[in-house]
PDB file of N, CA and C in Angstrom:
ATOM      1  N   MET A   1     105.585  90.700  91.822  1.00  0.00           N
ATOM      2  CA  MET A   1     105.272  91.305  93.365  1.00  0.00           C
ATOM      3  C   MET A   1     104.052  90.433  93.690  1.00  0.00           C
ATOM      4  N   PRO A   2     104.110  90.065  94.919  1.00  0.00           N
ATOM      5  CA  PRO A   2     103.098  89.146  95.601  1.00  0.00           C
ATOM      6  C   PRO A   2     101.765  89.625  95.640  1.00  0.00           C
ATOM      7  N   VAL A   3     100.685  88.585  95.515  1.00  0.00           N
ATOM      8  CA  VAL A   3      99.358  88.968  95.648  1.00  0.00           C
ATOM      9  C   VAL A   3      98.869  88.943  97.087  1.00  0.00           C
ATOM     10  N   ASN A   4      98.179  89.925  97.563  1.00  0.00           N
ATOM     11  CA  ASN A   4      97.767  89.850  98.875  1.00  0.00           C
ATOM     12  C   ASN A   4      96.104  90.059  98.937  1.00  0.00           C
ATOM     13  N   ASP A   5      95.514  89.345 100.001  1.00  0.00           N
ATOM     14  CA  ASP A   5      94.146  89.686 100.296  1.00  0.00           C
ATOM     15  C   ASP A   5      93.830  90.786 101.264  1.00  0.00           C
ATOM     16  N   ILE A   6      93.054  91.542 100.951  1.00  0.00           N
ATOM     17  CA  ILE A   6      92.446  92.623 101.908  1.00  0.00           C
ATOM     18  C   ILE A   6      91.240  92.668 102.150  1.00  0.00           C
ATOM     19  N   LYS A   7      90.899  93.429 103.267  1.00  0.00           N
ATOM     20  CA  LYS A   7      89.524  93.634 103.804  1.00  0.00           C
ATOM     21  C   LYS A   7      89.427  95.090 104.093  1.00  0.00           C
ATOM     22  N   ARG A   8      88.195  95.620 104.473  1.00  0.00           N
ATOM     23  CA  ARG A   8      88.171  97.135 104.584  1.00  0.00           C
ATOM     24  C   ARG A   8      88.940  97.336 105.870  1.00  0.00           C
ATOM     25  N   ASP A   9      89.149  96.464 106.917  1.00  0.00           N
ATOM     26  CA  ASP A   9      89.857  96.859 108.075  1.00  0.00           C
ATOM     27  C   ASP A   9      91.241  96.731 107.819  1.00  0.00           C
ATOM     28  N   THR A  10      91.865  96.077 106.958  1.00  0.00           N
ATOM     29  CA  THR A  10      93.097  96.114 106.408  1.00  0.00           C
ATOM     30  C   THR A  10      93.509  97.441 105.785  1.00  0.00           C
ATOM     31  N   VAL A  11      92.686  98.058 104.848  1.00  0.00           N
ATOM     32  CA  VAL A  11      92.890  99.201 104.220  1.00  0.00           C
ATOM     33  C   VAL A  11      92.833 100.479 105.501  1.00  0.00           C
ATOM     34  N   ALA A  12      91.730 100.299 106.288  1.00  0.00           N
ATOM     35  CA  ALA A  12      91.906 101.295 107.325  1.00  0.00           C
ATOM     36  C   ALA A  12      93.231 101.193 108.173  1.00  0.00           C
ATOM     37  N   LEU A  13      93.805 100.171 108.371  1.00  0.00           N
ATOM     38  CA  LEU A  13      94.996  99.813 109.225  1.00  0.00           C
ATOM     39  C   LEU A  13      96.174 100.549 108.381  1.00  0.00           C
ATOM     40  N   PHE A  14      96.041 100.291 107.081  1.00  0.00           N
ATOM     41  CA  PHE A  14      97.121 100.980 106.152  1.00  0.00           C
ATOM     42  C   PHE A  14      97.088 102.309 106.258  1.00  0.00           C
ATOM     43  N   LYS A  15      95.854 102.928 106.142  1.00  0.00           N
ATOM     44  CA  LYS A  15      95.564 104.413 106.282  1.00  0.00           C
ATOM     45  C   LYS A  15      96.241 105.009 107.443  1.00  0.00           C
ATOM     46  N   ARG A  16      96.010 104.364 108.545  1.00  0.00           N
ATOM     47  CA  ARG A  16      96.443 104.734 109.849  1.00  0.00           C
ATOM     48  C   ARG A  16      97.905 104.643 110.020  1.00  0.00           C
ATOM     49  N   CYS A  17      98.562 103.647 109.274  1.00  0.00           N
ATOM     50  CA  CYS A  17     100.002 103.641 109.402  1.00  0.00           C
ATOM     51  C   CYS A  17     100.708 104.799 108.491  1.00  0.00           C
ATOM     52  N   LEU A  18     100.029 104.972 107.245  1.00  0.00           N
ATOM     53  CA  LEU A  18     100.463 105.874 106.303  1.00  0.00           C
ATOM     54  C   LEU A  18     100.489 107.362 107.197  1.00  0.00           C
ATOM     55  N   ARG A  19      99.405 107.556 107.675  1.00  0.00           N
ATOM     56  CA  ARG A  19      99.009 109.039 108.335  1.00  0.00           C
ATOM     57  C   ARG A  19      99.973 109.146 109.492  1.00  0.00           C
ATOM     58  N   THR A  20     100.317 108.052 110.226  1.00  0.00           N
ATOM     59  CA  THR A  20     101.225 108.113 111.284  1.00  0.00           C
ATOM     60  C   THR A  20     102.636 108.605 110.805  1.00  0.00           C
ATOM     61  N   ILE A  21     103.075 107.921 109.838  1.00  0.00           N
ATOM     62  CA  ILE A  21     104.235 108.336 109.497  1.00  0.00           C
ATOM     63  C   ILE A  21     104.424 109.590 108.456  1.00  0.00           C
ATOM     64  N   TRP A  22     103.463 109.971 107.650  1.00  0.00           N
ATOM     65  CA  TRP A  22     103.370 110.913 107.026  1.00  0.00           C
ATOM     66  C   TRP A  22     102.051 111.992 107.461  1.00  0.00           C
ATOM     67  N   ARG A  23     102.380 112.591 108.485  1.00  0.00           N
ATOM     68  CA  ARG A  23     101.294 113.565 109.289  1.00  0.00           C
ATOM     69  C   ARG A  23     100.630 114.471 108.378  1.00  0.00           C
ATOM     70  N   THR A  24     101.413 114.968 107.410  1.00  0.00           N
ATOM     71  CA  THR A  24     100.751 116.165 106.682  1.00  0.00           C
ATOM     72  C   THR A  24      99.742 115.611 105.452  1.00  0.00           C
ATOM     73  N   VAL A  25      99.674 114.302 105.275  1.00  0.00           N
ATOM     74  CA  VAL A  25      98.778 113.782 104.317  1.00  0.00           C
ATOM     75  C   VAL A  25      97.410 113.875 104.836  1.00  0.00           C
ATOM     76  N   LYS A  26      96.513 114.529 104.080  1.00  0.00           N
ATOM     77  CA  LYS A  26      95.342 114.696 104.411  1.00  0.00           C
ATOM     78  C   LYS A  26      94.574 113.387 104.096  1.00  0.00           C
ATOM     79  N   SER A  27      93.521 113.153 105.183  1.00  0.00           N
ATOM     80  CA  SER A  27      92.808 111.824 105.098  1.00  0.00           C
ATOM     81  C   SER A  27      92.187 111.505 103.809  1.00  0.00           C
ATOM     82  N   SER A  28      91.632 112.388 102.950  1.00  0.00           N
ATOM     83  CA  SER A  28      91.044 111.861 101.614  1.00  0.00           C
ATOM     84  C   SER A  28      92.110 111.712 100.753  1.00  0.00           C
ATOM     85  N   HIS A  29      93.301 112.425 100.842  1.00  0.00           N
ATOM     86  CA  HIS A  29      94.361 112.083  99.959  1.00  0.00           C
ATOM     87  C   HIS A  29      94.818 110.703 100.178  1.00  0.00           C
ATOM     88  N   ALA A  30      94.853 110.323 101.474  1.00  0.00           N
ATOM     89  CA  ALA A  30      95.466 109.140 101.935  1.00  0.00           C
ATOM     90  C   ALA A  30      94.598 108.054 101.394  1.00  0.00           C
ATOM     91  N   ASP A  31      93.331 108.213 101.500  1.00  0.00           N
ATOM     92  CA  ASP A  31      92.215 107.139 100.850  1.00  0.00           C
ATOM     93  C   ASP A  31      92.533 107.050  99.367  1.00  0.00           C
ATOM     94  N   GLU A  32      92.664 108.024  98.599  1.00  0.00           N
ATOM     95  CA  GLU A  32      92.918 107.939  97.217  1.00  0.00           C
ATOM     96  C   GLU A  32      94.202 107.346  96.827  1.00  0.00           C
ATOM     97  N   ALA A  33      95.265 107.647  97.622  1.00  0.00           N
ATOM     98  CA  ALA A  33      96.526 107.136  97.351  1.00  0.00           C
ATOM     99  C   ALA A  33      96.601 105.519  97.666  1.00  0.00           C
ATOM    100  N   ILE A  34      95.904 105.368  98.736  1.00  0.00           N
ATOM    101  CA  ILE A  34      95.791 103.650  99.057  1.00  0.00           C
ATOM    102  C   ILE A  34      94.948 102.907  98.164  1.00  0.00           C
ATOM    103  N   ALA A  35      93.863 103.608  97.509  1.00  0.00           N
ATOM    104  CA  ALA A  35      93.297 102.864  96.543  1.00  0.00           C
ATOM    105  C   ALA A  35      94.244 102.601  95.235  1.00  0.00           C
ATOM    106  N   ALA A  36      95.132 103.722  94.914  1.00  0.00           N
ATOM    107  CA  ALA A  36      95.797 103.485  93.782  1.00  0.00           C
ATOM    108  C   ALA A  36      96.912 102.393  94.184  1.00  0.00           C
ATOM    109  N   TYR A  37      97.459 102.245  95.297  1.00  0.00           N
ATOM    110  CA  TYR A  37      98.441 101.271  95.751  1.00  0.00           C
ATOM    111  C   TYR A  37      97.772  99.718  95.543  1.00  0.00           C
ATOM    112  N   TYR A  38      96.411  99.749  95.798  1.00  0.00           N
ATOM    113  CA  TYR A  38      95.822  98.480  95.643  1.00  0.00           C
ATOM    114  C   TYR A  38      95.400  98.211  94.286  1.00  0.00           C
ATOM    115  N   GLY A  39      95.599  99.314  93.258  1.00  0.00           N
ATOM    116  CA  GLY A  39      95.278  99.121  91.992  1.00  0.00           C
ATOM    117  C   GLY A  39      93.813  99.636  91.344  1.00  0.00           C
ATOM    118  N   PHE A  40      93.284 100.554  92.200  1.00  0.00           N
ATOM    119  CA  PHE A  40      91.890 100.951  91.869  1.00  0.00           C
ATOM    120  C   PHE A  40      92.183 102.488  91.575  1.00  0.00           C
ATOM    121  N   ARG A  41      91.353 102.900  90.606  1.00  0.00           N
ATOM    122  CA  ARG A  41      91.456 104.318  90.338  1.00  0.00           C
ATOM    123  C   ARG A  41      90.999 105.349  91.168  1.00  0.00           C
ATOM    124  N   THR A  42      90.147 104.980  92.152  1.00  0.00           N
ATOM    125  CA  THR A  42      89.578 105.789  93.046  1.00  0.00           C
ATOM    126  C   THR A  42      89.093 105.123  94.488  1.00  0.00           C
ATOM    127  N   HIS A  43      89.211 105.884  95.412  1.00  0.00           N
ATOM    128  CA  HIS A  43      88.791 105.209  96.706  1.00  0.00           C
ATOM    129  C   HIS A  43      87.340 104.695  96.796  1.00  0.00           C
ATOM    130  N   ALA A  44      86.494 105.282  95.974  1.00  0.00           N
ATOM    131  CA  ALA A  44      85.148 104.762  95.879  1.00  0.00           C
ATOM    132  C   ALA A  44      85.182 103.419  95.167  1.00  0.00           C
ATOM    133  N   ALA A  45      86.060 103.142  94.144  1.00  0.00           N
ATOM    134  CA  ALA A  45      86.016 101.942  93.452  1.00  0.00           C
ATOM    135  C   ALA A  45      86.688 100.818  94.297  1.00  0.00           C
ATOM    136  N   LEU A  46      87.462 101.105  95.178  1.00  0.00           N
ATOM    137  CA  LEU A  46      88.136 100.333  96.171  1.00  0.00           C
ATOM    138  C   LEU A  46      86.911  99.770  97.063  1.00  0.00           C
ATOM    139  N   LEU A  47      86.376 100.785  97.582  1.00  0.00           N
ATOM    140  CA  LEU A  47      85.225 100.364  98.634  1.00  0.00           C
ATOM    141  C   LEU A  47      84.140  99.637  97.974  1.00  0.00           C
ATOM    142  N   ALA A  48      83.746  99.872  96.655  1.00  0.00           N
ATOM    143  CA  ALA A  48      82.717  98.854  95.876  1.00  0.00           C
ATOM    144  C   ALA A  48      83.199  97.588  95.883  1.00  0.00           C
ATOM    145  N   ALA A  49      84.545  97.445  95.554  1.00  0.00           N
ATOM    146  CA  ALA A  49      85.059  96.228  95.586  1.00  0.00           C
ATOM    147  C   ALA A  49      85.222  95.338  96.796  1.00  0.00           C
ATOM    148  N   LEU A  50      85.000  95.832  98.075  1.00  0.00           N
ATOM    149  CA  LEU A  50      85.043  95.534  99.262  1.00  0.00           C
ATOM    150  C   LEU A  50      83.694  95.787 100.042  1.00  0.00           C
ATOM    151  N   PRO A  51      82.663  95.442  99.651  1.00  0.00           N
ATOM    152  CA  PRO A  51      81.429  95.738 100.043  1.00  0.00           C
ATOM    153  C   PRO A  51      81.187  95.587 101.540  1.00  0.00           C
ATOM    154  N   ASP A  52      81.805  94.583 102.262  1.00  0.00           N
ATOM    155  CA  ASP A  52      81.603  94.416 103.650  1.00  0.00           C
ATOM    156  C   ASP A  52      82.876  93.856 104.105  1.00  0.00           C
ATOM    157  N   ASP A  53      82.856  93.703 105.624  1.00  0.00           N
ATOM    158  CA  ASP A  53      83.852  93.173 106.118  1.00  0.00           C
ATOM    159  C   ASP A  53      84.405  91.791 105.773  1.00  0.00           C
ATOM    160  N   ALA A  54      83.447  90.962 105.394  1.00  0.00           N
ATOM    161  CA  ALA A  54      83.664  89.631 105.105  1.00  0.00           C
ATOM    162  C   ALA A  54      84.341  89.495 103.646  1.00  0.00           C
ATOM    163  N   ALA A  55      84.016  90.477 102.775  1.00  0.00           N
ATOM    164  CA  ALA A  55      84.613  90.387 101.578  1.00  0.00           C
ATOM    165  C   ALA A  55      86.217  90.554 101.331  1.00  0.00           C
ATOM    166  N   ILE A  56      86.629  89.717 100.630  1.00  0.00           N
ATOM    167  CA  ILE A  56      88.097  89.656 100.502  1.00  0.00           C
ATOM    168  C   ILE A  56      88.442  89.767  99.160  1.00  0.00           C
ATOM    169  N   HIS A  57      89.373  90.614  98.622  1.00  0.00           N
ATOM    170  CA  HIS A  57      89.720  91.062  97.509  1.00  0.00           C
ATOM    171  C   HIS A  57      91.229  90.852  97.259  1.00  0.00           C
ATOM    172  N   GLN A  58      91.574  90.118  96.167  1.00  0.00           N
ATOM    173  CA  GLN A  58      93.074  89.874  95.851  1.00  0.00           C
ATOM    174  C   GLN A  58      93.555  91.011  94.974  1.00  0.00           C
ATOM    175  N   VAL A  59      94.736  91.541  95.288  1.00  0.00           N
ATOM    176  CA  VAL A  59      95.207  92.689  94.793  1.00  0.00           C
ATOM    177  C   VAL A  59      96.756  92.349  94.568  1.00  0.00           C
ATOM    178  N   GLU A  60      97.305  93.053  93.575  1.00  0.00           N
ATOM    179  CA  GLU A  60      98.786  93.259  93.521  1.00  0.00           C
ATOM    180  C   GLU A  60      99.105  94.625  93.980  1.00  0.00           C
ATOM    181  N   PRO A  61      99.743  94.829  95.158  1.00  0.00           N
ATOM    182  CA  PRO A  61     100.115  96.029  95.420  1.00  0.00           C
ATOM    183  C   PRO A  61     101.034  96.813  94.554  1.00  0.00           C
ATOM    184  N   ARG A  62     100.881  98.018  94.530  1.00  0.00           N
ATOM    185  CA  ARG A  62     101.676  99.048  93.596  1.00  0.00           C
ATOM    186  C   ARG A  62     102.228 100.068  94.125  1.00  0.00           C
ATOM    187  N   PRO A  63     103.277 100.142  94.923  1.00  0.00           N
ATOM    188  CA  PRO A  63     103.817 101.273  95.706  1.00  0.00           C
ATOM    189  C   PRO A  63     104.052 102.669  94.866  1.00  0.00           C
ATOM    190  N   GLN A  64     104.677 102.211  93.784  1.00  0.00           N
ATOM    191  CA  GLN A  64     104.806 103.582  92.932  1.00  0.00           C
ATOM    192  C   GLN A  64     103.448 104.490  92.573  1.00  0.00           C
ATOM    193  N   ALA A  65     102.602 103.632  92.324  1.00  0.00           N
ATOM    194  CA  ALA A  65     101.240 104.308  92.026  1.00  0.00           C
ATOM    195  C   ALA A  65     100.737 104.971  93.295  1.00  0.00           C
ATOM    196  N   LEU A  66     100.938 104.497  94.555  1.00  0.00           N
ATOM    197  CA  LEU A  66     100.683 105.328  95.645  1.00  0.00           C
ATOM    198  C   LEU A  66     101.416 106.548  95.716  1.00  0.00           C
ATOM    199  N   MET A  67     102.898 106.372  95.560  1.00  0.00           N
ATOM    200  CA  MET A  67     103.767 107.793  95.615  1.00  0.00           C
ATOM    201  C   MET A  67     103.337 108.731  94.445  1.00  0.00           C
ATOM    202  N   ASP A  68     102.932 108.260  93.262  1.00  0.00           N
ATOM    203  CA  ASP A  68     102.604 109.182  92.172  1.00  0.00           C
ATOM    204  C   ASP A  68     101.243 109.811  92.378  1.00  0.00           C
ATOM    205  N   ARG A  69     100.298 109.015  93.128  1.00  0.00           N
ATOM    206  CA  ARG A  69      98.942 109.702  93.499  1.00  0.00           C
ATOM    207  C   ARG A  69      99.135 110.929  94.510  1.00  0.00           C
ATOM    208  N   LEU A  70     100.088 110.603  95.451  1.00  0.00           N
ATOM    209  CA  LEU A  70     100.265 111.587  96.272  1.00  0.00           C
ATOM    210  C   LEU A  70     101.064 112.713  95.863  1.00  0.00           C
ATOM    211  N   GLU A  71     102.061 112.477  94.679  1.00  0.00           N
ATOM    212  CA  GLU A  71     102.596 113.813  94.163  1.00  0.00           C
ATOM    213  C   GLU A  71     101.653 114.374  93.389  1.00  0.00           C
ATOM    214  N   GLU A  72     100.725 113.753  92.778  1.00  0.00           N
ATOM    215  CA  GLU A  72      99.436 114.486  92.114  1.00  0.00           C
ATOM    216  C   GLU A  72      98.847 115.607  93.083  1.00  0.00           C
ATOM    217  N   PHE A  73      98.731 115.184  94.311  1.00  0.00           N
ATOM    218  CA  PHE A  73      98.097 115.915  95.181  1.00  0.00           C
ATOM    219  C   PHE A  73      99.061 116.891  95.928  1.00  0.00           C
ATOM    220  N   GLY A  74     100.260 117.011  95.502  1.00  0.00           N
ATOM    221  CA  GLY A  74     101.290 118.074  95.820  1.00  0.00           C
ATOM    222  C   GLY A  74     102.205 117.623  96.857  1.00  0.00           C
ATOM    223  N   TYR A  75     102.265 116.466  97.263  1.00  0.00           N
ATOM    224  CA  TYR A  75     103.273 116.008  98.282  1.00  0.00           C
ATOM    225  C   TYR A  75     104.530 115.465  97.707  1.00  0.00           C
ATOM    226  N   ARG A  76     105.493 115.925  98.420  1.00  0.00           N
ATOM    227  CA  ARG A  76     106.856 115.616  98.098  1.00  0.00           C
ATOM    228  C   ARG A  76     107.346 114.540  99.170  1.00  0.00           C
ATOM    229  N   LEU A  77     107.127 113.324  98.981  1.00  0.00           N
ATOM    230  CA  LEU A  77     107.474 112.385  99.969  1.00  0.00           C
ATOM    231  C   LEU A  77     108.638 111.513  99.489  1.00  0.00           C
ATOM    232  N   ALA A  78     109.692 111.143 100.429  1.00  0.00           N
ATOM    233  CA  ALA A  78     110.685 110.395 100.254  1.00  0.00           C
ATOM    234  C   ALA A  78     110.244 108.873 100.324  1.00  0.00           C
ATOM    235  N   GLY A  79     110.826 108.183  99.331  1.00  0.00           N
ATOM    236  CA  GLY A  79     110.561 106.659  99.206  1.00  0.00           C
ATOM    237  C   GLY A  79     110.943 105.990 100.434  1.00  0.00           C
ATOM    238  N   LEU A  80     111.933 106.470 101.140  1.00  0.00           N
ATOM    239  CA  LEU A  80     112.313 105.861 102.330  1.00  0.00           C
ATOM    240  C   LEU A  80     111.367 105.889 103.492  1.00  0.00           C
ATOM    241  N   GLU A  81     110.591 106.954 103.354  1.00  0.00           N
ATOM    242  CA  GLU A  81     109.321 107.207 104.385  1.00  0.00           C
ATOM    243  C   GLU A  81     108.266 105.954 103.982  1.00  0.00           C
ATOM    244  N   PHE A  82     108.120 105.768 102.710  1.00  0.00           N
ATOM    245  CA  PHE A  82     107.233 104.828 102.400  1.00  0.00           C
ATOM    246  C   PHE A  82     107.699 103.305 102.998  1.00  0.00           C
ATOM    247  N   GLU A  83     108.986 103.231 102.926  1.00  0.00           N
ATOM    248  CA  GLU A  83     109.558 101.974 103.711  1.00  0.00           C
ATOM    249  C   GLU A  83     109.026 101.917 105.084  1.00  0.00           C
ATOM    250  N   ARG A  84     109.049 102.959 105.709  1.00  0.00           N
ATOM    251  CA  ARG A  84     108.756 103.250 107.041  1.00  0.00           C
ATOM    252  C   ARG A  84     107.087 102.690 107.227  1.00  0.00           C
ATOM    253  N   VAL A  85     106.520 103.263 106.209  1.00  0.00           N
ATOM    254  CA  VAL A  85     105.031 103.101 106.377  1.00  0.00           C
ATOM    255  C   VAL A  85     104.860 101.568 106.319  1.00  0.00           C
ATOM    256  N   LEU A  86     105.435 100.752 105.494  1.00  0.00           N
ATOM    257  CA  LEU A  86     105.279  99.359 105.027  1.00  0.00           C
ATOM    258  C   LEU A  86     105.742  98.773 106.231  1.00  0.00           C
ATOM    259  N   ARG A  87     106.815  99.113 106.870  1.00  0.00           N
ATOM    260  CA  ARG A  87     107.148  98.190 108.041  1.00  0.00           C
ATOM    261  C   ARG A  87     106.281  98.385 109.311  1.00  0.00           C
ATOM    262  N   LEU A  88     105.842  99.427 109.405  1.00  0.00           N
ATOM    263  CA  LEU A  88     104.653  99.839 110.497  1.00  0.00           C
ATOM    264  C   LEU A  88     103.484  98.916 110.311  1.00  0.00           C
ATOM    265  N   PHE A  89     103.088  99.028 108.978  1.00  0.00           N
ATOM    266  CA  PHE A  89     101.843  98.153 108.553  1.00  0.00           C
ATOM    267  C   PHE A  89     102.071  96.750 108.763  1.00  0.00           C
ATOM    268  N   HIS A  90     103.292  96.161 108.283  1.00  0.00           N
ATOM    269  CA  HIS A  90     103.425  94.772 108.468  1.00  0.00           C
ATOM    270  C   HIS A  90     103.550  94.460 109.960  1.00  0.00           C
ATOM    271  N   ALA A  91     104.218  95.234 110.939  1.00  0.00           N
ATOM    272  CA  ALA A  91     104.355  95.070 112.126  1.00  0.00           C
ATOM    273  C   ALA A  91     102.865  94.808 112.924  1.00  0.00           C
ATOM    274  N   GLU A  92     101.905  95.814 112.492  1.00  0.00           N
ATOM    275  CA  GLU A  92     100.588  95.936 112.998  1.00  0.00           C
ATOM    276  C   GLU A  92      99.908  94.727 112.467  1.00  0.00           C
ATOM    277  N   ILE A  93     100.011  94.093 111.475  1.00  0.00           N
ATOM    278  CA  ILE A  93      99.428  93.042 110.803  1.00  0.00           C
ATOM    279  C   ILE A  93      99.978  91.765 111.620  1.00  0.00           C
ATOM    280  N   LEU A  94     101.271  91.710 111.943  1.00  0.00           N
ATOM    281  CA  LEU A  94     101.760  90.458 112.708  1.00  0.00           C
ATOM    282  C   LEU A  94     101.191  90.625 114.081  1.00  0.00           C
ATOM    283  N   GLY A  95     101.150  91.857 114.611  1.00  0.00           N
ATOM    284  CA  GLY A  95     100.565  92.027 116.125  1.00  0.00           C
ATOM    285  C   GLY A  95      99.163  91.554 115.881  1.00  0.00           C
ATOM    286  N   ARG A  96      98.350  91.778 115.069  1.00  0.00           N
ATOM    287  CA  ARG A  96      96.916  91.211 115.096  1.00  0.00           C
ATOM    288  C   ARG A  96      96.899  89.735 114.861  1.00  0.00           C
ATOM    289  N   ILE A  97      97.803  89.181 113.986  1.00  0.00           N
ATOM    290  CA  ILE A  97      97.848  87.803 113.861  1.00  0.00           C
ATOM    291  C   ILE A  97      98.243  87.062 115.155  1.00  0.00           C
ATOM    292  N   ASN A  98      99.194  87.639 115.702  1.00  0.00           N
ATOM    293  CA  ASN A  98      99.781  86.968 117.036  1.00  0.00           C
ATOM    294  C   ASN A  98      98.524  87.278 118.207  1.00  0.00           C
ATOM    295  N   GLU A  99      97.918  88.228 118.323  1.00  0.00           N
ATOM    296  CA  GLU A  99      96.900  88.419 119.296  1.00  0.00           C
ATOM    297  C   GLU A  99      95.577  87.433 118.900  1.00  0.00           C
ATOM    298  N   ASN A 100      95.330  87.244 117.730  1.00  0.00           N
ATOM    299  CA  ASN A 100      94.285  86.302 117.558  1.00  0.00           C
ATOM    300  C   ASN A 100      94.909  84.832 117.715  1.00  0.00           C
ATOM    301  N   PHE A 101      96.123  84.489 117.433  1.00  0.00           N
ATOM    302  CA  PHE A 101      96.635  83.217 117.960  1.00  0.00           C
ATOM    303  C   PHE A 101      96.666  83.065 119.389  1.00  0.00           C
ATOM    304  N   ARG A 102      96.999  84.045 120.219  1.00  0.00           N
ATOM    305  CA  ARG A 102      96.943  84.110 121.539  1.00  0.00           C
ATOM    306  C   ARG A 102      95.485  83.700 122.104  1.00  0.00           C
ATOM    307  N   ARG A 103      94.596  84.298 121.454  1.00  0.00           N
ATOM    308  CA  ARG A 103      93.279  84.311 122.005  1.00  0.00           C
ATOM    309  C   ARG A 103      92.672  82.728 121.646  1.00  0.00           C
ATOM    310  N   MET A 104      93.304  82.153 120.531  1.00  0.00           N
ATOM    311  CA  MET A 104      92.705  80.718 120.061  1.00  0.00           C
ATOM    312  C   MET A 104      93.338  79.697 121.142  1.00  0.00           C
ATOM    313  N   VAL A 105      94.540  80.111 121.465  1.00  0.00           N
ATOM    314  CA  VAL A 105      95.251  79.273 122.430  1.00  0.00           C
ATOM    315  C   VAL A 105      94.619  79.227 123.947  1.00  0.00           C
ATOM    316  N   THR A 106      94.270  80.362 124.246  1.00  0.00           N
ATOM    317  CA  THR A 106      93.552  80.351 125.710  1.00  0.00           C
ATOM    318  C   THR A 106      91.965  79.866 125.632  1.00  0.00           C
ATOM    319  N   GLU A 107      91.312  79.940 124.483  1.00  0.00           N
ATOM    320  CA  GLU A 107      90.030  79.339 124.381  1.00  0.00           C
ATOM    321  C   GLU A 107      89.982  77.907 124.531  1.00  0.00           C
ATOM    322  N   THR A 108      88.897  77.416 125.149  1.00  0.00           N
ATOM    323  CA  THR A 108      88.842  76.034 125.344  1.00  0.00           C
ATOM    324  C   THR A 108      88.133  75.497 124.043  1.00  0.00           C
ATOM    325  N   ALA A 109      88.395  74.277 123.723  1.00  0.00           N
ATOM    326  CA  ALA A 109      87.738  73.651 122.527  1.00  0.00           C
ATOM    327  C   ALA A 109      86.301  73.181 122.943  1.00  0.00           C
ATOM    328  N   ASN A 110      85.523  73.306 122.015  1.00  0.00           N
ATOM    329  CA  ASN A 110      83.996  73.016 122.033  1.00  0.00           C
ATOM    330  C   ASN A 110      83.491  71.807 121.305  1.00  0.00           C
ATOM    331  N   ASP A 111      84.515  71.035 120.829  1.00  0.00           N
ATOM    332  CA  ASP A 111      84.379  69.969 120.025  1.00  0.00           C
ATOM    333  C   ASP A 111      83.700  68.715 120.660  1.00  0.00           C
ATOM    334  N   ASN A 112      83.440  68.703 122.120  1.00  0.00           N
ATOM    335  CA  ASN A 112      82.941  67.494 122.878  1.00  0.00           C
ATOM    336  C   ASN A 112      81.707  68.032 123.380  1.00  0.00           C
ATOM    337  N   ARG A 113      80.928  68.762 122.726  1.00  0.00           N
ATOM    338  CA  ARG A 113      79.570  69.234 123.195  1.00  0.00           C
ATOM    339  C   ARG A 113      78.630  68.136 122.975  1.00  0.00           C
ATOM    340  N   THR A 114      77.569  67.996 123.767  1.00  0.00           N
ATOM    341  CA  THR A 114      76.612  67.027 123.528  1.00  0.00           C
ATOM    342  C   THR A 114      75.185  67.646 123.368  1.00  0.00           C
TER     343      THR A 114
END
């Protein structure tokens, strides 16, 4: 499985996507499940590894750990729904990348300042 870089805003975006698809999942349960997805035992441990927005932490995503954690909280969620969460998350990430790229193209270069 590929290794990904994450930041706090990436985790928040993933949570938004998860709760968009699975509206019945409580906020705190989503936090804990996402921590498991990124290989952490708790949400607090995940946040400690990402102390600020500049910090990047490399992780190996664990989809089954997310599903297992949500089942521990009493949710019975279909794996296909998780695929929808991932598709939405990736679409949002690509949208952010495209928006940043569009901004770069429209900004003038400042490399000729004197």
